[in-house]
Amino acid sequence: SLHLYGDLHRYVPVIAYLNGYKVSELPVVHHERRFGHSKYGPGRLIRGGLDLITVLFLSKFSTRPLHLFGPLGGALFGIGLFINLVLGLEWLGGDRGLHERPLLTLSVLLTLMGLQLLTMGLIAELVVSFMQRQDNPLNTLRDVYRYDDETIAVIHQPSAKPEKAEPQPHA
């Protein structure tokens, strides 16, 4: 079953495909609107865009959140650290006092934001790891085929597009 919330109904084909279902298109006849006017305005467009970001996030980073938070957090941390280093060298050189440099506030803010994003990514990785070991694993058993003494299981993985295994005669 698909878990839809909010306005994600717009992306049912994408979500179904990402959950391992086969998706295809069928030709349909579209009729022009004869009465009334469209209710699809800027508000629905914005919500649809935000839902698209949600679908992209869930499809790419749901099982590896550090791949999203790591580079961004590392970049912010690195930039903040570099600015702090430059300001520290200027301060040691006696150029200007740090209290005269508003760039210090920015560098400390960037460093802390980077650390927060890295930490958030690590915590999200722990949550994903914990969920994979619980009763609700991210990979679930889809079908089991029994042949005499041999059992073949087909695993459903959301990132992979599973095909149903054809029964092979047991020799």
N, C-alpha and C. Protein backbone atom coordinates (compact mmCIF):
# COMPACT_ATOMS: atom_id res chain seq x y z
N SER A 1 0.84 -1.18 0.00
CA SER A 1 0.00 0.00 0.00
C SER A 1 0.88 1.24 0.00
N LEU A 2 0.38 2.30 -0.58
CA LEU A 2 1.11 3.56 -0.63
C LEU A 2 0.66 4.44 0.52
N HIS A 3 1.61 5.07 1.17
CA HIS A 3 1.29 5.98 2.27
C HIS A 3 1.32 7.40 1.71
N LEU A 4 0.14 7.97 1.48
CA LEU A 4 0.03 9.31 0.93
C LEU A 4 -0.51 10.25 2.01
N TYR A 5 0.00 11.44 2.06
CA TYR A 5 -0.49 12.45 2.98
C TYR A 5 -0.35 13.80 2.29
N GLY A 6 -1.05 14.79 2.80
CA GLY A 6 -1.01 16.11 2.19
C GLY A 6 -1.52 16.06 0.76
N ASP A 7 -0.80 16.69 -0.12
CA ASP A 7 -1.17 16.73 -1.54
C ASP A 7 -0.31 15.79 -2.38
N LEU A 8 0.20 14.73 -1.78
CA LEU A 8 1.07 13.81 -2.51
C LEU A 8 0.33 12.99 -3.57
N HIS A 9 -1.01 13.12 -3.63
CA HIS A 9 -1.76 12.37 -4.65
C HIS A 9 -1.31 12.76 -6.06
N ARG A 10 -0.73 13.94 -6.21
CA ARG A 10 -0.24 14.37 -7.53
C ARG A 10 0.90 13.48 -8.02
N TYR A 11 1.59 12.86 -7.10
CA TYR A 11 2.78 12.10 -7.43
C TYR A 11 2.60 10.59 -7.22
N VAL A 12 1.37 10.11 -7.29
CA VAL A 12 1.11 8.68 -7.09
C VAL A 12 1.94 7.81 -8.03
N PRO A 13 2.04 8.12 -9.34
CA PRO A 13 2.86 7.25 -10.20
C PRO A 13 4.32 7.18 -9.77
N VAL A 14 4.89 8.31 -9.38
CA VAL A 14 6.29 8.33 -8.95
C VAL A 14 6.47 7.54 -7.66
N ILE A 15 5.58 7.77 -6.69
CA ILE A 15 5.67 7.08 -5.41
C ILE A 15 5.47 5.58 -5.60
N ALA A 16 4.52 5.20 -6.45
CA ALA A 16 4.29 3.78 -6.72
C ALA A 16 5.52 3.15 -7.35
N TYR A 17 6.14 3.82 -8.31
CA TYR A 17 7.34 3.30 -8.96
C TYR A 17 8.48 3.14 -7.94
N LEU A 18 8.64 4.13 -7.06
CA LEU A 18 9.70 4.07 -6.06
C LEU A 18 9.46 2.96 -5.04
N ASN A 19 8.20 2.54 -4.88
CA ASN A 19 7.87 1.45 -3.96
C ASN A 19 7.87 0.10 -4.65
N GLY A 20 8.35 0.03 -5.89
CA GLY A 20 8.51 -1.25 -6.56
C GLY A 20 7.36 -1.67 -7.44
N TYR A 21 6.34 -0.85 -7.58
CA TYR A 21 5.22 -1.20 -8.45
C TYR A 21 5.58 -0.92 -9.89
N LYS A 22 4.97 -1.66 -10.80
CA LYS A 22 5.14 -1.38 -12.22
C LYS A 22 4.17 -0.26 -12.59
N VAL A 23 4.65 0.73 -13.30
CA VAL A 23 3.83 1.87 -13.68
C VAL A 23 3.88 2.00 -15.19
N SER A 24 2.73 2.19 -15.80
CA SER A 24 2.69 2.42 -17.25
C SER A 24 1.64 3.48 -17.54
N GLU A 25 1.67 3.99 -18.74
CA GLU A 25 0.74 5.03 -19.15
C GLU A 25 -0.29 4.46 -20.11
N LEU A 26 -1.48 4.96 -20.00
CA LEU A 26 -2.55 4.58 -20.90
C LEU A 26 -3.06 5.84 -21.59
N PRO A 27 -3.37 5.76 -22.87
CA PRO A 27 -3.92 6.95 -23.54
C PRO A 27 -5.33 7.23 -23.04
N VAL A 28 -5.62 8.50 -22.80
CA VAL A 28 -6.95 8.92 -22.37
C VAL A 28 -7.41 10.08 -23.24
N VAL A 29 -8.68 10.31 -23.27
CA VAL A 29 -9.25 11.43 -24.02
C VAL A 29 -9.46 12.58 -23.06
N HIS A 30 -8.88 13.72 -23.38
CA HIS A 30 -9.05 14.92 -22.56
C HIS A 30 -10.09 15.82 -23.20
N HIS A 31 -11.05 16.24 -22.44
CA HIS A 31 -12.09 17.13 -22.93
C HIS A 31 -11.83 18.53 -22.41
N GLU A 32 -12.08 19.52 -23.24
CA GLU A 32 -11.93 20.90 -22.81
C GLU A 32 -12.97 21.23 -21.75
N ARG A 33 -12.63 22.15 -20.87
CA ARG A 33 -13.57 22.61 -19.86
C ARG A 33 -14.69 23.38 -20.54
N ARG A 34 -15.91 23.00 -20.26
CA ARG A 34 -17.05 23.67 -20.89
C ARG A 34 -17.67 24.70 -19.96
N PHE A 35 -17.57 24.49 -18.66
CA PHE A 35 -18.21 25.40 -17.71
C PHE A 35 -17.23 25.71 -16.59
N GLY A 36 -17.40 26.87 -15.96
CA GLY A 36 -16.61 27.24 -14.81
C GLY A 36 -15.18 27.61 -15.16
N HIS A 37 -14.36 27.71 -14.13
CA HIS A 37 -12.95 28.06 -14.33
C HIS A 37 -12.10 27.20 -13.41
N SER A 38 -10.82 27.15 -13.71
CA SER A 38 -9.90 26.31 -12.96
C SER A 38 -9.69 26.86 -11.56
N LYS A 39 -9.58 25.98 -10.60
CA LYS A 39 -9.28 26.38 -9.22
C LYS A 39 -7.80 26.17 -8.91
N TYR A 40 -7.02 25.86 -9.94
CA TYR A 40 -5.60 25.61 -9.76
C TYR A 40 -4.87 26.95 -9.82
N GLY A 41 -4.61 27.54 -8.67
CA GLY A 41 -3.97 28.85 -8.61
C GLY A 41 -2.57 28.77 -8.06
N PRO A 42 -2.00 29.93 -7.74
CA PRO A 42 -0.62 29.97 -7.24
C PRO A 42 -0.41 29.19 -5.94
N GLY A 43 -1.42 29.17 -5.07
CA GLY A 43 -1.28 28.43 -3.81
C GLY A 43 -1.10 26.95 -4.03
N ARG A 44 -1.87 26.38 -4.94
CA ARG A 44 -1.74 24.95 -5.23
C ARG A 44 -0.43 24.67 -5.95
N LEU A 45 0.02 25.62 -6.75
CA LEU A 45 1.30 25.45 -7.45
C LEU A 45 2.45 25.40 -6.45
N ILE A 46 2.40 26.26 -5.45
CA ILE A 46 3.45 26.27 -4.42
C ILE A 46 3.42 24.97 -3.62
N ARG A 47 2.20 24.53 -3.21
CA ARG A 47 2.09 23.27 -2.47
C ARG A 47 2.58 22.10 -3.30
N GLY A 48 2.27 22.12 -4.60
CA GLY A 48 2.74 21.05 -5.49
C GLY A 48 4.26 21.04 -5.59
N GLY A 49 4.87 22.23 -5.63
CA GLY A 49 6.33 22.33 -5.66
C GLY A 49 6.96 21.81 -4.38
N LEU A 50 6.36 22.15 -3.24
CA LEU A 50 6.88 21.65 -1.97
C LEU A 50 6.73 20.14 -1.87
N ASP A 51 5.61 19.61 -2.39
CA ASP A 51 5.43 18.16 -2.40
C ASP A 51 6.45 17.49 -3.32
N LEU A 52 6.80 18.15 -4.42
CA LEU A 52 7.84 17.60 -5.31
C LEU A 52 9.17 17.50 -4.57
N ILE A 53 9.50 18.52 -3.79
CA ILE A 53 10.73 18.47 -2.99
C ILE A 53 10.65 17.31 -2.00
N THR A 54 9.48 17.10 -1.38
CA THR A 54 9.30 15.99 -0.45
C THR A 54 9.53 14.65 -1.14
N VAL A 55 8.94 14.48 -2.32
CA VAL A 55 9.10 13.21 -3.05
C VAL A 55 10.56 13.00 -3.44
N LEU A 56 11.22 14.05 -3.91
CA LEU A 56 12.64 13.92 -4.27
C LEU A 56 13.48 13.58 -3.05
N PHE A 57 13.22 14.24 -1.94
CA PHE A 57 13.97 13.97 -0.71
C PHE A 57 13.77 12.52 -0.26
N LEU A 58 12.50 12.08 -0.23
CA LEU A 58 12.22 10.72 0.23
C LEU A 58 12.78 9.67 -0.72
N SER A 59 12.80 9.98 -2.02
CA SER A 59 13.28 8.98 -2.97
C SER A 59 14.80 8.86 -2.97
N LYS A 60 15.50 9.95 -2.70
CA LYS A 60 16.96 9.91 -2.79
C LYS A 60 17.65 9.72 -1.44
N PHE A 61 17.07 10.26 -0.37
CA PHE A 61 17.81 10.31 0.89
C PHE A 61 17.12 9.61 2.06
N SER A 62 16.04 8.88 1.83
CA SER A 62 15.33 8.28 2.96
C SER A 62 16.15 7.20 3.66
N THR A 63 17.03 6.52 2.95
CA THR A 63 17.85 5.49 3.59
C THR A 63 19.30 5.93 3.77
N ARG A 64 19.64 7.13 3.37
CA ARG A 64 21.01 7.64 3.55
C ARG A 64 20.99 9.15 3.75
N PRO A 65 20.42 9.61 4.87
CA PRO A 65 20.26 11.04 5.10
C PRO A 65 21.57 11.81 5.23
N LEU A 66 22.64 11.14 5.62
CA LEU A 66 23.91 11.85 5.75
C LEU A 66 24.43 12.30 4.39
N HIS A 67 23.99 11.65 3.31
CA HIS A 67 24.39 12.09 1.97
C HIS A 67 23.81 13.46 1.64
N LEU A 68 22.73 13.84 2.30
CA LEU A 68 22.16 15.17 2.11
C LEU A 68 22.78 16.16 3.09
N PHE A 69 22.75 15.81 4.38
CA PHE A 69 23.20 16.74 5.40
C PHE A 69 24.72 16.85 5.49
N GLY A 70 25.44 15.80 5.12
CA GLY A 70 26.89 15.80 5.23
C GLY A 70 27.60 16.84 4.38
N PRO A 71 27.38 16.84 3.06
CA PRO A 71 28.08 17.82 2.23
C PRO A 71 27.72 19.27 2.57
N LEU A 72 26.44 19.51 2.84
CA LEU A 72 26.02 20.87 3.18
C LEU A 72 26.62 21.30 4.51
N GLY A 73 26.52 20.43 5.51
CA GLY A 73 27.09 20.74 6.82
C GLY A 73 28.60 20.87 6.77
N GLY A 74 29.24 19.98 6.02
CA GLY A 74 30.70 20.05 5.89
C GLY A 74 31.16 21.33 5.20
N ALA A 75 30.42 21.74 4.17
CA ALA A 75 30.77 22.98 3.46
C ALA A 75 30.61 24.19 4.37
N LEU A 76 29.49 24.28 5.09
CA LEU A 76 29.28 25.42 5.99
C LEU A 76 30.33 25.42 7.10
N PHE A 77 30.61 24.25 7.66
CA PHE A 77 31.61 24.15 8.72
C PHE A 77 32.98 24.57 8.19
N GLY A 78 33.34 24.09 7.00
CA GLY A 78 34.64 24.42 6.41
C GLY A 78 34.79 25.91 6.12
N ILE A 79 33.75 26.52 5.56
CA ILE A 79 33.80 27.96 5.27
C ILE A 79 33.92 28.75 6.56
N GLY A 80 33.12 28.38 7.57
CA GLY A 80 33.19 29.07 8.86
C GLY A 80 34.56 28.92 9.51
N LEU A 81 35.11 27.72 9.44
CA LEU A 81 36.43 27.47 10.01
C LEU A 81 37.51 28.28 9.29
N PHE A 82 37.41 28.35 7.96
CA PHE A 82 38.38 29.12 7.17
C PHE A 82 38.33 30.61 7.54
N ILE A 83 37.11 31.15 7.64
CA ILE A 83 36.98 32.57 8.01
C ILE A 83 37.52 32.80 9.42
N ASN A 84 37.24 31.88 10.34
CA ASN A 84 37.78 31.99 11.70
C ASN A 84 39.31 31.97 11.69
N LEU A 85 39.89 31.12 10.85
CA LEU A 85 41.34 31.04 10.74
C LEU A 85 41.92 32.35 10.23
N VAL A 86 41.31 32.92 9.19
CA VAL A 86 41.79 34.19 8.63
C VAL A 86 41.68 35.30 9.68
N LEU A 87 40.54 35.35 10.38
CA LEU A 87 40.36 36.37 11.41
C LEU A 87 41.36 36.18 12.56
N GLY A 88 41.62 34.92 12.92
CA GLY A 88 42.60 34.65 13.98
C GLY A 88 44.00 35.10 13.59
N LEU A 89 44.38 34.84 12.32
CA LEU A 89 45.71 35.28 11.86
C LEU A 89 45.81 36.80 11.82
N GLU A 90 44.73 37.46 11.39
CA GLU A 90 44.74 38.93 11.40
C GLU A 90 44.84 39.47 12.83
N TRP A 91 44.16 38.81 13.76
CA TRP A 91 44.20 39.24 15.14
C TRP A 91 45.60 39.05 15.73
N LEU A 92 46.25 37.89 15.39
CA LEU A 92 47.61 37.65 15.88
C LEU A 92 48.59 38.63 15.27
N GLY A 93 48.32 39.08 14.05
CA GLY A 93 49.19 40.05 13.39
C GLY A 93 49.02 41.46 13.93
N GLY A 94 48.03 41.65 14.80
CA GLY A 94 47.81 42.96 15.40
C GLY A 94 47.14 43.94 14.46
N ASP A 95 46.54 43.43 13.38
CA ASP A 95 45.91 44.30 12.39
C ASP A 95 44.73 45.05 12.99
N ARG A 96 43.72 44.32 13.42
CA ARG A 96 42.53 44.91 14.05
C ARG A 96 42.03 43.97 15.13
N GLY A 97 41.34 44.53 16.09
CA GLY A 97 40.74 43.71 17.14
C GLY A 97 39.53 42.96 16.60
N LEU A 98 39.27 41.80 17.17
CA LEU A 98 38.15 40.99 16.71
C LEU A 98 36.81 41.66 16.98
N HIS A 99 36.73 42.50 17.99
CA HIS A 99 35.47 43.17 18.30
C HIS A 99 35.07 44.16 17.20
N GLU A 100 36.01 44.53 16.34
CA GLU A 100 35.72 45.44 15.23
C GLU A 100 35.32 44.70 13.96
N ARG A 101 35.26 43.40 14.00
CA ARG A 101 35.01 42.59 12.81
C ARG A 101 33.64 41.90 12.87
N PRO A 102 32.63 42.40 12.15
CA PRO A 102 31.33 41.71 12.13
C PRO A 102 31.41 40.35 11.43
N LEU A 103 32.49 40.12 10.68
CA LEU A 103 32.66 38.84 10.00
C LEU A 103 32.82 37.69 11.01
N LEU A 104 33.26 38.03 12.23
CA LEU A 104 33.40 37.01 13.27
C LEU A 104 32.06 36.36 13.59
N THR A 105 31.01 37.18 13.65
CA THR A 105 29.67 36.64 13.93
C THR A 105 29.25 35.67 12.84
N LEU A 106 29.48 36.04 11.58
CA LEU A 106 29.12 35.17 10.46
C LEU A 106 29.91 33.87 10.51
N SER A 107 31.20 33.96 10.80
CA SER A 107 32.03 32.75 10.79
C SER A 107 31.61 31.79 11.90
N VAL A 108 31.31 32.32 13.08
CA VAL A 108 30.86 31.46 14.18
C VAL A 108 29.51 30.84 13.83
N LEU A 109 28.62 31.63 13.23
CA LEU A 109 27.30 31.13 12.83
C LEU A 109 27.43 30.02 11.79
N LEU A 110 28.29 30.20 10.79
CA LEU A 110 28.49 29.17 9.77
C LEU A 110 29.07 27.89 10.37
N THR A 111 30.02 28.04 11.28
CA THR A 111 30.63 26.88 11.92
C THR A 111 29.59 26.09 12.72
N LEU A 112 28.77 26.81 13.50
CA LEU A 112 27.76 26.13 14.30
C LEU A 112 26.67 25.50 13.44
N MET A 113 26.26 26.18 12.37
CA MET A 113 25.25 25.61 11.47
C MET A 113 25.79 24.34 10.80
N GLY A 114 27.05 24.37 10.40
CA GLY A 114 27.66 23.19 9.80
C GLY A 114 27.69 22.02 10.77
N LEU A 115 28.08 22.30 12.02
CA LEU A 115 28.10 21.24 13.03
C LEU A 115 26.70 20.69 13.29
N GLN A 116 25.71 21.58 13.32
CA GLN A 116 24.33 21.13 13.54
C GLN A 116 23.85 20.23 12.41
N LEU A 117 24.14 20.61 11.16
CA LEU A 117 23.71 19.79 10.03
C LEU A 117 24.41 18.43 10.03
N LEU A 118 25.70 18.42 10.33
CA LEU A 118 26.42 17.15 10.40
C LEU A 118 25.85 16.26 11.51
N THR A 119 25.57 16.86 12.66
CA THR A 119 25.00 16.10 13.77
C THR A 119 23.60 15.60 13.43
N MET A 120 22.80 16.43 12.77
CA MET A 120 21.46 16.02 12.37
C MET A 120 21.54 14.85 11.39
N GLY A 121 22.48 14.89 10.47
CA GLY A 121 22.66 13.79 9.53
C GLY A 121 23.05 12.50 10.23
N LEU A 122 23.94 12.59 11.22
CA LEU A 122 24.34 11.40 11.97
C LEU A 122 23.19 10.82 12.78
N ILE A 123 22.39 11.70 13.39
CA ILE A 123 21.23 11.23 14.15
C ILE A 123 20.22 10.57 13.21
N ALA A 124 20.01 11.16 12.04
CA ALA A 124 19.09 10.56 11.06
C ALA A 124 19.61 9.20 10.60
N GLU A 125 20.92 9.06 10.43
CA GLU A 125 21.49 7.76 10.07
C GLU A 125 21.22 6.73 11.17
N LEU A 126 21.33 7.15 12.44
CA LEU A 126 21.02 6.24 13.54
C LEU A 126 19.56 5.81 13.51
N VAL A 127 18.66 6.74 13.21
CA VAL A 127 17.23 6.41 13.13
C VAL A 127 16.98 5.41 12.01
N VAL A 128 17.58 5.64 10.84
CA VAL A 128 17.41 4.72 9.71
C VAL A 128 17.96 3.35 10.07
N SER A 129 19.13 3.31 10.69
CA SER A 129 19.74 2.04 11.10
C SER A 129 18.85 1.32 12.10
N PHE A 130 18.30 2.06 13.05
CA PHE A 130 17.41 1.47 14.05
C PHE A 130 16.14 0.92 13.40
N MET A 131 15.57 1.65 12.46
CA MET A 131 14.35 1.21 11.78
C MET A 131 14.59 -0.05 10.96
N GLN A 132 15.77 -0.18 10.39
CA GLN A 132 16.07 -1.37 9.60
C GLN A 132 16.15 -2.62 10.46
N ARG A 133 16.44 -2.45 11.75
CA ARG A 133 16.56 -3.60 12.65
C ARG A 133 15.26 -3.91 13.38
N GLN A 134 14.25 -3.09 13.21
CA GLN A 134 12.97 -3.28 13.91
C GLN A 134 12.01 -4.14 13.11
N ASP A 135 10.79 -4.22 13.60
CA ASP A 135 9.76 -5.00 12.93
C ASP A 135 9.33 -4.39 11.60
N ASN A 136 9.61 -3.14 11.38
CA ASN A 136 9.25 -2.47 10.13
C ASN A 136 10.49 -2.19 9.31
N PRO A 137 11.13 -3.21 8.78
CA PRO A 137 12.35 -2.98 8.02
C PRO A 137 12.05 -2.26 6.71
N LEU A 138 13.08 -1.64 6.17
CA LEU A 138 12.91 -0.93 4.90
C LEU A 138 12.85 -1.91 3.73
N ASN A 139 13.38 -3.11 3.91
CA ASN A 139 13.26 -4.16 2.90
C ASN A 139 12.30 -5.20 3.43
N THR A 140 11.24 -5.48 2.70
CA THR A 140 10.24 -6.42 3.18
C THR A 140 10.11 -7.59 2.22
N LEU A 141 9.70 -8.71 2.78
CA LEU A 141 9.50 -9.91 1.98
C LEU A 141 8.26 -9.74 1.12
N ARG A 142 8.41 -9.95 -0.18
CA ARG A 142 7.29 -9.75 -1.09
C ARG A 142 6.56 -11.05 -1.40
N ASP A 143 7.24 -12.08 -1.80
CA ASP A 143 6.63 -13.36 -2.16
C ASP A 143 7.54 -14.49 -1.69
N VAL A 144 6.93 -15.61 -1.36
CA VAL A 144 7.68 -16.81 -1.01
C VAL A 144 7.16 -17.94 -1.89
N TYR A 145 8.07 -18.61 -2.57
CA TYR A 145 7.72 -19.76 -3.41
C TYR A 145 8.29 -21.01 -2.76
N ARG A 146 7.51 -22.07 -2.64
CA ARG A 146 7.97 -23.31 -2.03
C ARG A 146 8.01 -24.41 -3.08
N TYR A 147 9.14 -25.08 -3.16
CA TYR A 147 9.33 -26.22 -4.06
C TYR A 147 9.95 -27.35 -3.25
N ASP A 148 9.19 -28.34 -2.93
CA ASP A 148 9.66 -29.49 -2.15
C ASP A 148 10.47 -29.03 -0.94
N ASP A 149 11.78 -29.22 -0.98
CA ASP A 149 12.63 -28.88 0.16
C ASP A 149 13.27 -27.50 0.01
N GLU A 150 13.02 -26.82 -1.09
CA GLU A 150 13.70 -25.56 -1.37
C GLU A 150 12.71 -24.40 -1.25
N THR A 151 13.12 -23.34 -0.61
CA THR A 151 12.29 -22.14 -0.49
C THR A 151 13.01 -20.98 -1.15
N ILE A 152 12.29 -20.29 -2.02
CA ILE A 152 12.86 -19.12 -2.70
C ILE A 152 12.07 -17.91 -2.24
N ALA A 153 12.75 -16.89 -1.75
CA ALA A 153 12.08 -15.66 -1.31
C ALA A 153 12.47 -14.52 -2.24
N VAL A 154 11.52 -13.69 -2.56
CA VAL A 154 11.77 -12.50 -3.37
C VAL A 154 11.67 -11.31 -2.43
N ILE A 155 12.73 -10.55 -2.33
CA ILE A 155 12.79 -9.43 -1.42
C ILE A 155 12.35 -8.17 -2.15
N HIS A 156 11.49 -7.39 -1.49
CA HIS A 156 11.05 -6.11 -2.06
C HIS A 156 11.93 -5.02 -1.47
N GLN A 157 12.68 -4.34 -2.33
CA GLN A 157 13.52 -3.24 -1.90
C GLN A 157 13.01 -1.99 -2.59
N PRO A 158 12.66 -0.93 -1.83
CA PRO A 158 12.10 0.26 -2.44
C PRO A 158 13.01 0.88 -3.49
N SER A 159 14.33 0.77 -3.34
CA SER A 159 15.22 1.40 -4.32
C SER A 159 15.34 0.56 -5.58
N ALA A 160 15.12 -0.75 -5.47
CA ALA A 160 15.21 -1.62 -6.64
C ALA A 160 13.83 -1.84 -7.22
N LYS A 161 13.76 -2.21 -8.48
CA LYS A 161 12.49 -2.49 -9.14
C LYS A 161 12.37 -4.00 -9.31
N PRO A 162 11.78 -4.69 -8.31
CA PRO A 162 11.76 -6.15 -8.35
C PRO A 162 10.83 -6.69 -9.43
N GLU A 163 11.22 -7.81 -9.97
CA GLU A 163 10.40 -8.56 -10.93
C GLU A 163 10.00 -9.85 -10.25
N LYS A 164 8.85 -10.36 -10.57
CA LYS A 164 8.38 -11.60 -9.97
C LYS A 164 9.17 -12.77 -10.54
N ALA A 165 9.69 -13.62 -9.66
CA ALA A 165 10.50 -14.76 -10.09
C ALA A 165 9.60 -15.81 -10.71
N GLU A 166 10.05 -16.38 -11.80
CA GLU A 166 9.33 -17.47 -12.46
C GLU A 166 9.71 -18.77 -11.78
N PRO A 167 8.73 -19.63 -11.45
CA PRO A 167 9.05 -20.92 -10.82
C PRO A 167 9.89 -21.79 -11.75
N GLN A 168 10.94 -22.36 -11.19
CA GLN A 168 11.81 -23.25 -11.94
C GLN A 168 11.50 -24.68 -11.52
N PRO A 169 11.47 -25.62 -12.46
CA PRO A 169 11.20 -27.02 -12.08
C PRO A 169 12.33 -27.55 -11.21
N HIS A 170 11.95 -28.30 -10.18
CA HIS A 170 12.93 -28.87 -9.26
C HIS A 170 13.39 -30.22 -9.80
N ALA A 171 14.69 -30.38 -10.00
CA ALA A 171 15.22 -31.63 -10.58
C ALA A 171 15.66 -32.60 -9.53
